[in-house]
């Protein structure tokens, strides 16, 4: 099978979206598909002023809109996969698969320029009028997408990513135990409330630090001696930092998937989360989510982890559930079925 793929995010590792793109591309290679990457030449990504930025944006937009239908029309490929949210023009669009990760640009419009929002809404319109098949990373996003766009659920399939970290990772030696928070500057990560809740909890007095790790510039306006920030870590460094944590904390207001929970689970580390959005899918089927996003609620949940052995057992059971549910084998089987029935 010859498959073209939007390669814009294949060289980037700073987000869950790029990790998903890399996993899709790896599946195509492992399955023997003859993948054709659609991406701009490297010179378009060189630093530059406003003219360079506009040229890059317009070139990328035209490539995403016109490249896939042109290849399909010429019968050079059997299908096109866009692991980033970019919907090609709807020519023979049932052979086009678009991955839709979340509605962040609708929920938090202030973080996107008018031009970005216009382009993303245009992509939604293309999905409405076309016959593209849509993939979401979680059932939460699937329901959210269908409700917002009016597109029937029969066109949308959930294919969740997995963790590529090896479970036998040896953690780095640390002078002090710590909770780990993987975050960026996005407001939905609820970073300020999480830091305040940690300080208010019993963790600092028990010598348990808070380590915040992210690949973006983090606006951490906190000078507490036990709150530490690490930026620009590599995948190897992230793996060892995760493996050495007492627990992962993630109290997001909304998550399209929640990669850190799956990565922590694979490394034997439990997660204390808000259970908001897709995070509720990590607690096990038949369990009602108990969303905690306010400072007092987060404080109570951290204290419960510190003092309640039964709660820690519950978190461990959830960790094992996550390890069994999200795997490379399941991911590959679902993508194989999706492309073979196109």
C-alpha atoms as a PDB file:
ATOM      1  CA  UNK A   1       0.000   0.000   0.000  1.00  0.00           C
ATOM      2  CA  UNK A   2       1.252   3.465  -0.884  1.00  0.00           C
ATOM      3  CA  UNK A   3       0.274   6.069   1.685  1.00  0.00           C
ATOM      4  CA  UNK A   4       1.102   9.757   1.783  1.00  0.00           C
ATOM      5  CA  UNK A   5       1.479  11.445   5.179  1.00  0.00           C
ATOM      6  CA  UNK A   6       1.600  15.058   6.278  1.00  0.00           C
ATOM      7  CA  UNK A   7       5.170  15.231   7.545  1.00  0.00           C
ATOM      8  CA  UNK A   8       5.019  18.697   9.097  1.00  0.00           C
ATOM      9  CA  UNK A   9       5.245  17.355  12.669  1.00  0.00           C
ATOM     10  CA  UNK A  10       7.551  14.382  12.111  1.00  0.00           C
ATOM     11  CA  UNK A  11      10.674  16.306  13.010  1.00  0.00           C
ATOM     12  CA  UNK A  12       9.273  17.840  16.191  1.00  0.00           C
ATOM     13  CA  UNK A  13       9.006  16.232  19.642  1.00  0.00           C
ATOM     14  CA  UNK A  14       7.684  19.066  21.762  1.00  0.00           C
ATOM     15  CA  UNK A  15       4.055  17.967  21.956  1.00  0.00           C
ATOM     16  CA  UNK A  16       1.715  15.009  22.078  1.00  0.00           C
ATOM     17  CA  UNK A  17       0.629  15.874  18.560  1.00  0.00           C
ATOM     18  CA  UNK A  18       4.129  15.367  17.207  1.00  0.00           C
ATOM     19  CA  UNK A  19       4.514  12.126  19.171  1.00  0.00           C
ATOM     20  CA  UNK A  20       1.303  10.852  17.602  1.00  0.00           C
ATOM     21  CA  UNK A  21       2.564  11.788  14.123  1.00  0.00           C
ATOM     22  CA  UNK A  22       5.790   9.864  14.712  1.00  0.00           C
ATOM     23  CA  UNK A  23       3.873   6.793  15.868  1.00  0.00           C
ATOM     24  CA  UNK A  24       1.661   6.827  12.764  1.00  0.00           C
ATOM     25  CA  UNK A  25       4.693   7.160  10.536  1.00  0.00           C
ATOM     26  CA  UNK A  26       6.444   4.315  12.375  1.00  0.00           C
ATOM     27  CA  UNK A  27       3.382   2.116  11.878  1.00  0.00           C
ATOM     28  CA  UNK A  28       3.453   2.788   8.125  1.00  0.00           C
ATOM     29  CA  UNK A  29       7.124   1.842   7.958  1.00  0.00           C
ATOM     30  CA  UNK A  30       6.704  -1.285  10.099  1.00  0.00           C
ATOM     31  CA  UNK A  31       3.687  -2.456   8.094  1.00  0.00           C
ATOM     32  CA  UNK A  32       5.600  -2.264   4.820  1.00  0.00           C
ATOM     33  CA  UNK A  33       3.623   0.652   3.399  1.00  0.00           C
ATOM     34  CA  UNK A  34       5.443   2.832   0.926  1.00  0.00           C
ATOM     35  CA  UNK A  35       4.981   6.116   2.743  1.00  0.00           C
ATOM     36  CA  UNK A  36       5.366   9.421   0.898  1.00  0.00           C
ATOM     37  CA  UNK A  37       6.058  12.359   3.192  1.00  0.00           C
ATOM     38  CA  UNK A  38       4.566  15.707   2.265  1.00  0.00           C
ATOM     39  CA  UNK A  39       6.626  18.472   3.833  1.00  0.00           C
ATOM     40  CA  UNK A  40       8.189  21.779   2.906  1.00  0.00           C
ATOM     41  CA  UNK A  41      11.918  21.976   2.092  1.00  0.00           C
ATOM     42  CA  UNK A  42      14.157  22.732   5.065  1.00  0.00           C
ATOM     43  CA  UNK A  43      14.888  26.264   3.859  1.00  0.00           C
ATOM     44  CA  UNK A  44      11.301  27.281   4.697  1.00  0.00           C
ATOM     45  CA  UNK A  45      11.983  26.635   8.383  1.00  0.00           C
ATOM     46  CA  UNK A  46      14.990  28.905   8.696  1.00  0.00           C
ATOM     47  CA  UNK A  47      14.568  31.840  11.111  1.00  0.00           C
ATOM     48  CA  UNK A  48      13.325  34.978   9.471  1.00  0.00           C
ATOM     49  CA  UNK A  49      11.130  38.029   9.732  1.00  0.00           C
ATOM     50  CA  UNK A  50       7.455  38.526   9.015  1.00  0.00           C
ATOM     51  CA  UNK A  51       7.847  37.937   5.273  1.00  0.00           C
ATOM     52  CA  UNK A  52       9.525  34.564   5.864  1.00  0.00           C
ATOM     53  CA  UNK A  53       6.854  33.570   8.381  1.00  0.00           C
ATOM     54  CA  UNK A  54       4.020  34.472   6.012  1.00  0.00           C
ATOM     55  CA  UNK A  55       5.703  32.653   3.142  1.00  0.00           C
ATOM     56  CA  UNK A  56       6.080  29.547   5.292  1.00  0.00           C
ATOM     57  CA  UNK A  57       2.454  29.697   6.474  1.00  0.00           C
ATOM     58  CA  UNK A  58       1.024  30.158   2.979  1.00  0.00           C
ATOM     59  CA  UNK A  59       3.255  27.470   1.478  1.00  0.00           C
ATOM     60  CA  UNK A  60       2.353  24.987   4.200  1.00  0.00           C
ATOM     61  CA  UNK A  61      -1.351  25.744   3.835  1.00  0.00           C
ATOM     62  CA  UNK A  62      -1.280  25.184   0.079  1.00  0.00           C
ATOM     63  CA  UNK A  63       0.701  21.962   0.523  1.00  0.00           C
ATOM     64  CA  UNK A  64      -1.785  20.625   3.092  1.00  0.00           C
ATOM     65  CA  UNK A  65      -4.820  21.599   1.025  1.00  0.00           C
ATOM     66  CA  UNK A  66      -3.705  20.661  -2.495  1.00  0.00           C
ATOM     67  CA  UNK A  67      -0.916  18.077  -2.136  1.00  0.00           C
ATOM     68  CA  UNK A  68      -2.963  15.057  -0.956  1.00  0.00           C
ATOM     69  CA  UNK A  69      -5.842  15.353  -3.482  1.00  0.00           C
ATOM     70  CA  UNK A  70      -3.334  15.843  -6.288  1.00  0.00           C
ATOM     71  CA  UNK A  71      -1.503  12.641  -5.354  1.00  0.00           C
ATOM     72  CA  UNK A  72      -4.782  10.747  -5.011  1.00  0.00           C
ATOM     73  CA  UNK A  73      -6.056  12.049  -8.340  1.00  0.00           C
ATOM     74  CA  UNK A  74      -2.917  10.822 -10.034  1.00  0.00           C
ATOM     75  CA  UNK A  75      -3.453   7.402  -8.385  1.00  0.00           C
ATOM     76  CA  UNK A  76       0.056   7.427  -6.994  1.00  0.00           C
ATOM     77  CA  UNK A  77      -1.155   6.593  -3.480  1.00  0.00           C
ATOM     78  CA  UNK A  78      -3.952   4.554  -1.940  1.00  0.00           C
ATOM     79  CA  UNK A  79      -4.631   6.849   0.994  1.00  0.00           C
ATOM     80  CA  UNK A  80      -3.482  10.012   2.751  1.00  0.00           C
ATOM     81  CA  UNK A  81      -2.975  10.401   6.499  1.00  0.00           C
ATOM     82  CA  UNK A  82      -2.820  13.777   8.214  1.00  0.00           C
ATOM     83  CA  UNK A  83      -1.647  13.089  11.797  1.00  0.00           C
ATOM     84  CA  UNK A  84      -1.878  16.813  12.483  1.00  0.00           C
ATOM     85  CA  UNK A  85      -5.186  18.615  12.112  1.00  0.00           C
ATOM     86  CA  UNK A  86      -5.011  19.586   8.448  1.00  0.00           C
ATOM     87  CA  UNK A  87      -7.918  18.617   6.187  1.00  0.00           C
ATOM     88  CA  UNK A  88      -7.063  18.450   2.465  1.00  0.00           C
ATOM     89  CA  UNK A  89      -9.540  19.645  -0.142  1.00  0.00           C
ATOM     90  CA  UNK A  90     -12.266  16.963  -0.362  1.00  0.00           C
ATOM     91  CA  UNK A  91     -11.388  15.280  -3.643  1.00  0.00           C
ATOM     92  CA  UNK A  92     -12.028  11.531  -3.227  1.00  0.00           C
ATOM     93  CA  UNK A  93     -11.861  12.323   0.449  1.00  0.00           C
ATOM     94  CA  UNK A  94     -12.989   8.940   1.793  1.00  0.00           C
ATOM     95  CA  UNK A  95      -9.374   7.899   1.248  1.00  0.00           C
ATOM     96  CA  UNK A  96      -8.158  10.748   3.446  1.00  0.00           C
ATOM     97  CA  UNK A  97      -7.724  10.256   7.201  1.00  0.00           C
ATOM     98  CA  UNK A  98      -7.446  13.334   9.412  1.00  0.00           C
ATOM     99  CA  UNK A  99      -6.434  13.111  13.074  1.00  0.00           C
ATOM    100  CA  UNK A 100      -8.284  15.642  15.218  1.00  0.00           C
ATOM    101  CA  UNK A 101      -6.592  16.074  18.595  1.00  0.00           C
ATOM    102  CA  UNK A 102      -8.711  18.570  20.557  1.00  0.00           C
ATOM    103  CA  UNK A 103     -10.816  21.728  20.461  1.00  0.00           C
ATOM    104  CA  UNK A 104      -8.259  23.897  22.240  1.00  0.00           C
ATOM    105  CA  UNK A 105      -8.536  26.627  19.599  1.00  0.00           C
ATOM    106  CA  UNK A 106     -12.250  26.884  20.433  1.00  0.00           C
ATOM    107  CA  UNK A 107     -11.961  26.534  24.216  1.00  0.00           C
ATOM    108  CA  UNK A 108      -8.963  28.898  24.500  1.00  0.00           C
ATOM    109  CA  UNK A 109      -9.156  31.185  21.438  1.00  0.00           C
ATOM    110  CA  UNK A 110      -6.917  33.846  22.947  1.00  0.00           C
ATOM    111  CA  UNK A 111      -3.863  31.613  22.472  1.00  0.00           C
ATOM    112  CA  UNK A 112      -4.301  31.550  18.695  1.00  0.00           C
ATOM    113  CA  UNK A 113      -4.007  34.353  16.194  1.00  0.00           C
ATOM    114  CA  UNK A 114      -7.000  35.300  14.083  1.00  0.00           C
ATOM    115  CA  UNK A 115      -5.304  33.778  11.080  1.00  0.00           C
ATOM    116  CA  UNK A 116      -4.677  30.479  12.885  1.00  0.00           C
ATOM    117  CA  UNK A 117      -8.259  30.322  14.124  1.00  0.00           C
ATOM    118  CA  UNK A 118      -9.605  31.080  10.654  1.00  0.00           C
ATOM    119  CA  UNK A 119      -7.514  28.300   9.128  1.00  0.00           C
ATOM    120  CA  UNK A 120      -8.525  25.760  11.773  1.00  0.00           C
ATOM    121  CA  UNK A 121     -12.212  26.603  11.379  1.00  0.00           C
ATOM    122  CA  UNK A 122     -11.787  26.292   7.617  1.00  0.00           C
ATOM    123  CA  UNK A 123     -10.438  22.787   8.213  1.00  0.00           C
ATOM    124  CA  UNK A 124     -13.554  21.968  10.239  1.00  0.00           C
ATOM    125  CA  UNK A 125     -15.690  23.200   7.341  1.00  0.00           C
ATOM    126  CA  UNK A 126     -13.773  20.960   4.930  1.00  0.00           C
ATOM    127  CA  UNK A 127     -14.492  17.995   7.186  1.00  0.00           C
ATOM    128  CA  UNK A 128     -18.186  18.862   7.256  1.00  0.00           C
ATOM    129  CA  UNK A 129     -18.563  19.109   3.477  1.00  0.00           C
ATOM    130  CA  UNK A 130     -16.167  16.294   2.597  1.00  0.00           C
ATOM    131  CA  UNK A 131     -16.027  12.585   3.248  1.00  0.00           C
ATOM    132  CA  UNK A 132     -12.750  12.513   5.151  1.00  0.00           C
ATOM    133  CA  UNK A 133     -12.496   9.897   7.838  1.00  0.00           C
ATOM    134  CA  UNK A 134     -11.578  11.315  11.237  1.00  0.00           C
ATOM    135  CA  UNK A 135      -9.450   9.795  14.004  1.00  0.00           C
ATOM    136  CA  UNK A 136      -9.377  11.083  17.581  1.00  0.00           C
ATOM    137  CA  UNK A 137      -6.982  10.029  20.370  1.00  0.00           C
ATOM    138  CA  UNK A 138      -9.754   9.527  22.946  1.00  0.00           C
ATOM    139  CA  UNK A 139     -13.476   8.891  23.270  1.00  0.00           C
ATOM    140  CA  UNK A 140     -13.785  12.277  24.974  1.00  0.00           C
ATOM    141  CA  UNK A 141     -12.480  14.104  21.898  1.00  0.00           C
ATOM    142  CA  UNK A 142     -14.654  11.943  19.638  1.00  0.00           C
ATOM    143  CA  UNK A 143     -17.803  13.000  21.483  1.00  0.00           C
ATOM    144  CA  UNK A 144     -16.617  16.592  21.704  1.00  0.00           C
ATOM    145  CA  UNK A 145     -15.839  16.704  17.978  1.00  0.00           C
ATOM    146  CA  UNK A 146     -19.161  15.177  16.901  1.00  0.00           C
ATOM    147  CA  UNK A 147     -21.153  17.505  19.147  1.00  0.00           C
ATOM    148  CA  UNK A 148     -19.352  20.614  17.889  1.00  0.00           C
ATOM    149  CA  UNK A 149     -19.284  19.790  14.176  1.00  0.00           C
ATOM    150  CA  UNK A 150     -22.498  17.818  13.770  1.00  0.00           C
ATOM    151  CA  UNK A 151     -20.549  15.070  11.975  1.00  0.00           C
ATOM    152  CA  UNK A 152     -21.920  11.596  12.669  1.00  0.00           C
ATOM    153  CA  UNK A 153     -19.916   9.258  14.920  1.00  0.00           C
ATOM    154  CA  UNK A 154     -19.763   6.659  12.131  1.00  0.00           C
ATOM    155  CA  UNK A 155     -17.094   8.792  10.435  1.00  0.00           C
ATOM    156  CA  UNK A 156     -14.979   9.126  13.579  1.00  0.00           C
ATOM    157  CA  UNK A 157     -12.790   6.399  15.077  1.00  0.00           C
ATOM    158  CA  UNK A 158     -10.771   6.450  18.287  1.00  0.00           C
ATOM    159  CA  UNK A 159      -7.155   5.292  17.931  1.00  0.00           C
ATOM    160  CA  UNK A 160      -5.215   6.099  21.077  1.00  0.00           C
ATOM    161  CA  UNK A 161      -1.424   6.466  21.108  1.00  0.00           C
ATOM    162  CA  UNK A 162       0.913   4.457  23.295  1.00  0.00           C
ATOM    163  CA  UNK A 163       4.132   4.867  25.268  1.00  0.00           C
ATOM    164  CA  UNK A 164       7.441   4.127  23.582  1.00  0.00           C
ATOM    165  CA  UNK A 165       9.485   4.240  26.773  1.00  0.00           C
ATOM    166  CA  UNK A 166      11.131   1.018  27.940  1.00  0.00           C
ATOM    167  CA  UNK A 167       9.938  -0.174  31.335  1.00  0.00           C
ATOM    168  CA  UNK A 168      13.423  -1.144  32.578  1.00  0.00           C
ATOM    169  CA  UNK A 169      14.659   2.453  32.640  1.00  0.00           C
ATOM    170  CA  UNK A 170      16.994   3.216  35.537  1.00  0.00           C
ATOM    171  CA  UNK A 171      16.012   6.516  37.198  1.00  0.00           C
ATOM    172  CA  UNK A 172      18.552   9.211  37.868  1.00  0.00           C
ATOM    173  CA  UNK A 173      19.816   9.382  41.426  1.00  0.00           C
ATOM    174  CA  UNK A 174      18.054  12.250  43.186  1.00  0.00           C
ATOM    175  CA  UNK A 175      19.004  13.892  46.455  1.00  0.00           C
ATOM    176  CA  UNK A 176      15.339  14.441  47.318  1.00  0.00           C
ATOM    177  CA  UNK A 177      12.115  12.614  46.368  1.00  0.00           C
ATOM    178  CA  UNK A 178       9.765  14.519  44.086  1.00  0.00           C
ATOM    179  CA  UNK A 179       6.391  14.714  42.406  1.00  0.00           C
ATOM    180  CA  UNK A 180       6.653  15.351  38.674  1.00  0.00           C
ATOM    181  CA  UNK A 181       4.481  17.724  36.659  1.00  0.00           C
ATOM    182  CA  UNK A 182       4.808  17.687  32.867  1.00  0.00           C
ATOM    183  CA  UNK A 183       3.415  20.918  31.556  1.00  0.00           C
ATOM    184  CA  UNK A 184       3.655  23.858  29.204  1.00  0.00           C
ATOM    185  CA  UNK A 185       2.353  27.403  29.247  1.00  0.00           C
ATOM    186  CA  UNK A 186      -1.156  26.506  28.074  1.00  0.00           C
ATOM    187  CA  UNK A 187      -3.846  27.725  30.556  1.00  0.00           C
ATOM    188  CA  UNK A 188      -5.693  24.404  30.387  1.00  0.00           C
ATOM    189  CA  UNK A 189      -2.729  22.760  32.152  1.00  0.00           C
ATOM    190  CA  UNK A 190      -3.853  24.546  35.352  1.00  0.00           C
ATOM    191  CA  UNK A 191      -0.245  25.102  36.330  1.00  0.00           C
ATOM    192  CA  UNK A 192      -0.685  27.925  38.872  1.00  0.00           C
ATOM    193  CA  UNK A 193      -3.405  26.114  40.840  1.00  0.00           C
ATOM    194  CA  UNK A 194      -1.337  22.927  40.920  1.00  0.00           C
ATOM    195  CA  UNK A 195       1.725  24.736  42.300  1.00  0.00           C
ATOM    196  CA  UNK A 196      -0.346  26.524  44.943  1.00  0.00           C
ATOM    197  CA  UNK A 197      -2.009  23.245  45.929  1.00  0.00           C
ATOM    198  CA  UNK A 198       1.352  21.507  46.268  1.00  0.00           C
ATOM    199  CA  UNK A 199       2.656  24.275  48.563  1.00  0.00           C
ATOM    200  CA  UNK A 200      -0.518  24.079  50.638  1.00  0.00           C
ATOM    201  CA  UNK A 201      -0.354  20.276  50.899  1.00  0.00           C
ATOM    202  CA  UNK A 202       1.742  18.207  53.278  1.00  0.00           C
ATOM    203  CA  UNK A 203       4.250  17.307  50.549  1.00  0.00           C
ATOM    204  CA  UNK A 204       6.815  20.066  51.275  1.00  0.00           C
ATOM    205  CA  UNK A 205       6.968  19.276  54.997  1.00  0.00           C
ATOM    206  CA  UNK A 206       7.536  15.608  54.151  1.00  0.00           C
ATOM    207  CA  UNK A 207      10.535  16.566  51.997  1.00  0.00           C
ATOM    208  CA  UNK A 208       8.729  15.811  48.735  1.00  0.00           C
ATOM    209  CA  UNK A 209       9.666  18.389  46.064  1.00  0.00           C
ATOM    210  CA  UNK A 210       7.707  19.417  42.979  1.00  0.00           C
ATOM    211  CA  UNK A 211       9.635  19.119  39.709  1.00  0.00           C
ATOM    212  CA  UNK A 212       8.060  20.836  36.709  1.00  0.00           C
ATOM    213  CA  UNK A 213       9.316  19.681  33.323  1.00  0.00           C
ATOM    214  CA  UNK A 214       8.393  21.172  29.969  1.00  0.00           C
ATOM    215  CA  UNK A 215       9.733  21.902  26.510  1.00  0.00           C
ATOM    216  CA  UNK A 216       8.215  25.375  26.373  1.00  0.00           C
ATOM    217  CA  UNK A 217       9.074  28.487  28.339  1.00  0.00           C
ATOM    218  CA  UNK A 218       7.136  28.073  31.565  1.00  0.00           C
ATOM    219  CA  UNK A 219       5.766  31.190  33.253  1.00  0.00           C
ATOM    220  CA  UNK A 220       6.371  29.885  36.773  1.00  0.00           C
ATOM    221  CA  UNK A 221       6.046  32.851  39.091  1.00  0.00           C
ATOM    222  CA  UNK A 222       7.000  30.843  42.159  1.00  0.00           C
ATOM    223  CA  UNK A 223      10.164  31.054  44.237  1.00  0.00           C
ATOM    224  CA  UNK A 224       9.341  28.283  46.667  1.00  0.00           C
ATOM    225  CA  UNK A 225      12.617  26.467  47.450  1.00  0.00           C
ATOM    226  CA  UNK A 226      11.056  23.049  46.759  1.00  0.00           C
ATOM    227  CA  UNK A 227       9.547  23.899  43.366  1.00  0.00           C
ATOM    228  CA  UNK A 228      12.025  23.294  40.541  1.00  0.00           C
ATOM    229  CA  UNK A 229      11.730  23.797  36.787  1.00  0.00           C
ATOM    230  CA  UNK A 230      13.523  21.867  34.040  1.00  0.00           C
ATOM    231  CA  UNK A 231      13.160  23.020  30.452  1.00  0.00           C
ATOM    232  CA  UNK A 232      14.257  21.612  27.120  1.00  0.00           C
ATOM    233  CA  UNK A 233      14.809  18.042  28.316  1.00  0.00           C
ATOM    234  CA  UNK A 234      15.475  15.258  25.826  1.00  0.00           C
ATOM    235  CA  UNK A 235      13.372  12.109  25.603  1.00  0.00           C
ATOM    236  CA  UNK A 236      16.076  10.172  27.461  1.00  0.00           C
ATOM    237  CA  UNK A 237      16.143  12.742  30.256  1.00  0.00           C
ATOM    238  CA  UNK A 238      12.352  12.779  30.455  1.00  0.00           C
ATOM    239  CA  UNK A 239      12.271   9.000  30.708  1.00  0.00           C
ATOM    240  CA  UNK A 240      14.698   8.918  33.627  1.00  0.00           C
ATOM    241  CA  UNK A 241      12.983  11.824  35.395  1.00  0.00           C
ATOM    242  CA  UNK A 242       9.626  10.086  35.072  1.00  0.00           C
ATOM    243  CA  UNK A 243      10.995   6.780  36.285  1.00  0.00           C
ATOM    244  CA  UNK A 244      12.378   8.417  39.431  1.00  0.00           C
ATOM    245  CA  UNK A 245       9.196  10.262  40.462  1.00  0.00           C
ATOM    246  CA  UNK A 246       7.053   9.252  43.427  1.00  0.00           C
ATOM    247  CA  UNK A 247       4.032  10.138  41.298  1.00  0.00           C
ATOM    248  CA  UNK A 248       3.013  12.168  38.271  1.00  0.00           C
ATOM    249  CA  UNK A 249       0.617  15.038  38.964  1.00  0.00           C
ATOM    250  CA  UNK A 250      -1.591  16.339  36.155  1.00  0.00           C
ATOM    251  CA  UNK A 251      -4.556  18.505  37.099  1.00  0.00           C
ATOM    252  CA  UNK A 252      -5.453  19.884  33.688  1.00  0.00           C
ATOM    253  CA  UNK A 253      -8.756  21.614  33.047  1.00  0.00           C
ATOM    254  CA  UNK A 254      -8.997  19.712  29.762  1.00  0.00           C
ATOM    255  CA  UNK A 255      -6.872  17.139  27.940  1.00  0.00           C
ATOM    256  CA  UNK A 256      -7.319  15.636  24.498  1.00  0.00           C
ATOM    257  CA  UNK A 257      -5.432  12.542  25.605  1.00  0.00           C
ATOM    258  CA  UNK A 258      -2.844  12.887  28.370  1.00  0.00           C
ATOM    259  CA  UNK A 259       0.407  11.327  27.166  1.00  0.00           C
ATOM    260  CA  UNK A 260       2.255  11.768  30.497  1.00  0.00           C
ATOM    261  CA  UNK A 261      -0.139   9.384  32.284  1.00  0.00           C
ATOM    262  CA  UNK A 262       0.551   6.586  29.797  1.00  0.00           C
ATOM    263  CA  UNK A 263       4.294   7.239  29.866  1.00  0.00           C
ATOM    264  CA  UNK A 264       4.382   7.249  33.658  1.00  0.00           C
ATOM    265  CA  UNK A 265       2.322   4.044  33.832  1.00  0.00           C
ATOM    266  CA  UNK A 266       4.730   2.230  31.536  1.00  0.00           C
ATOM    267  CA  UNK A 267       7.600   3.212  33.823  1.00  0.00           C
ATOM    268  CA  UNK A 268       5.837   1.963  36.957  1.00  0.00           C
ATOM    269  CA  UNK A 269       4.808   5.400  38.232  1.00  0.00           C
ATOM    270  CA  UNK A 270       1.247   6.175  39.347  1.00  0.00           C
ATOM    271  CA  UNK A 271      -0.576   9.352  38.341  1.00  0.00           C
ATOM    272  CA  UNK A 272      -2.634  11.730  40.463  1.00  0.00           C
ATOM    273  CA  UNK A 273      -4.881  13.537  37.992  1.00  0.00           C
ATOM    274  CA  UNK A 274      -7.899  15.784  37.696  1.00  0.00           C
ATOM    275  CA  UNK A 275      -9.929  13.216  35.709  1.00  0.00           C
ATOM    276  CA  UNK A 276     -11.136  16.094  33.503  1.00  0.00           C
ATOM    277  CA  UNK A 277     -11.801  15.459  29.832  1.00  0.00           C
ATOM    278  CA  UNK A 278     -10.012  12.412  28.478  1.00  0.00           C
ATOM    279  CA  UNK A 279      -8.165  11.897  31.785  1.00  0.00           C
ATOM    280  CA  UNK A 280     -11.327  10.192  33.044  1.00  0.00           C
ATOM    281  CA  UNK A 281     -10.618   7.349  30.594  1.00  0.00           C
ATOM    282  CA  UNK A 282      -7.519   6.358  32.570  1.00  0.00           C
ATOM    283  CA  UNK A 283      -9.411   5.434  35.751  1.00  0.00           C
ATOM    284  CA  UNK A 284     -11.007   2.233  34.448  1.00  0.00           C
ATOM    285  CA  UNK A 285     -14.322   1.360  32.908  1.00  0.00           C
ATOM    286  CA  UNK A 286     -17.379   1.654  35.112  1.00  0.00           C
ATOM    287  CA  UNK A 287     -15.697   4.136  37.459  1.00  0.00           C
ATOM    288  CA  UNK A 288     -17.333   7.543  37.794  1.00  0.00           C
ATOM    289  CA  UNK A 289     -14.810  10.377  37.430  1.00  0.00           C
ATOM    290  CA  UNK A 290     -14.275  12.694  40.379  1.00  0.00           C
ATOM    291  CA  UNK A 291     -12.967  15.834  38.730  1.00  0.00           C
ATOM    292  CA  UNK A 292     -10.570  17.912  40.822  1.00  0.00           C
ATOM    293  CA  UNK A 293      -9.288  21.142  39.286  1.00  0.00           C
ATOM    294  CA  UNK A 294      -9.552  23.699  42.088  1.00  0.00           C
ATOM    295  CA  UNK A 295      -6.683  24.388  44.481  1.00  0.00           C
ATOM    296  CA  UNK A 296      -8.426  22.895  47.525  1.00  0.00           C
ATOM    297  CA  UNK A 297      -9.427  19.769  45.617  1.00  0.00           C
ATOM    298  CA  UNK A 298      -5.903  19.273  44.299  1.00  0.00           C
ATOM    299  CA  UNK A 299      -4.443  19.760  47.781  1.00  0.00           C
ATOM    300  CA  UNK A 300      -6.800  17.143  49.178  1.00  0.00           C
ATOM    301  CA  UNK A 301      -5.870  14.658  46.478  1.00  0.00           C
ATOM    302  CA  UNK A 302      -2.122  15.100  47.052  1.00  0.00           C
ATOM    303  CA  UNK A 303      -2.623  14.678  50.811  1.00  0.00           C
ATOM    304  CA  UNK A 304      -4.669  11.560  50.195  1.00  0.00           C
ATOM    305  CA  UNK A 305      -1.794  10.121  48.181  1.00  0.00           C
ATOM    306  CA  UNK A 306       0.563  10.888  51.065  1.00  0.00           C
ATOM    307  CA  UNK A 307      -1.533   9.385  53.855  1.00  0.00           C
ATOM    308  CA  UNK A 308      -4.036   6.873  52.420  1.00  0.00           C
ATOM    309  CA  UNK A 309      -2.603   3.453  51.518  1.00  0.00           C
ATOM    310  CA  UNK A 310      -5.917   2.320  49.998  1.00  0.00           C
ATOM    311  CA  UNK A 311      -5.870   5.297  47.650  1.00  0.00           C
ATOM    312  CA  UNK A 312      -2.329   4.461  46.583  1.00  0.00           C
ATOM    313  CA  UNK A 313      -3.505   0.912  45.848  1.00  0.00           C
ATOM    314  CA  UNK A 314      -6.291   2.372  43.702  1.00  0.00           C
ATOM    315  CA  UNK A 315      -3.777   4.456  41.758  1.00  0.00           C
ATOM    316  CA  UNK A 316      -1.621   1.372  41.209  1.00  0.00           C
ATOM    317  CA  UNK A 317      -4.622  -0.558  39.847  1.00  0.00           C
ATOM    318  CA  UNK A 318      -5.296   2.321  37.459  1.00  0.00           C
ATOM    319  CA  UNK A 319      -1.654   2.290  36.365  1.00  0.00           C
ATOM    320  CA  UNK A 320      -1.920  -1.380  35.465  1.00  0.00           C
ATOM    321  CA  UNK A 321      -5.176  -0.723  33.609  1.00  0.00           C
ATOM    322  CA  UNK A 322      -3.486   1.982  31.530  1.00  0.00           C
ATOM    323  CA  UNK A 323      -0.556  -0.301  30.661  1.00  0.00           C
ATOM    324  CA  UNK A 324      -2.943  -2.996  29.399  1.00  0.00           C
ATOM    325  CA  UNK A 325      -5.195  -0.639  27.444  1.00  0.00           C
ATOM    326  CA  UNK A 326      -2.662   1.444  25.511  1.00  0.00           C
ATOM    327  CA  UNK A 327      -0.066  -0.477  23.508  1.00  0.00           C
ATOM    328  CA  UNK A 328       1.745  -0.375  20.196  1.00  0.00           C
ATOM    329  CA  UNK A 329       0.065  -3.626  19.154  1.00  0.00           C
ATOM    330  CA  UNK A 330      -3.444  -2.220  19.644  1.00  0.00           C
ATOM    331  CA  UNK A 331      -2.487   1.046  17.935  1.00  0.00           C
ATOM    332  CA  UNK A 332      -1.074  -0.780  14.894  1.00  0.00           C
ATOM    333  CA  UNK A 333      -4.034  -3.146  14.591  1.00  0.00           C
ATOM    334  CA  UNK A 334      -6.498  -0.266  14.638  1.00  0.00           C
ATOM    335  CA  UNK A 335      -4.590   1.718  12.003  1.00  0.00           C
ATOM    336  CA  UNK A 336      -4.245  -1.402   9.854  1.00  0.00           C
ATOM    337  CA  UNK A 337      -8.015  -1.941   9.882  1.00  0.00           C
ATOM    338  CA  UNK A 338      -8.663   1.732   9.264  1.00  0.00           C
ATOM    339  CA  UNK A 339      -6.490   1.931   6.149  1.00  0.00           C
ATOM    340  CA  UNK A 340      -7.425  -1.468   4.752  1.00  0.00           C
ATOM    341  CA  UNK A 341     -11.147  -0.646   4.813  1.00  0.00           C
ATOM    342  CA  UNK A 342     -10.818   2.785   3.217  1.00  0.00           C
END
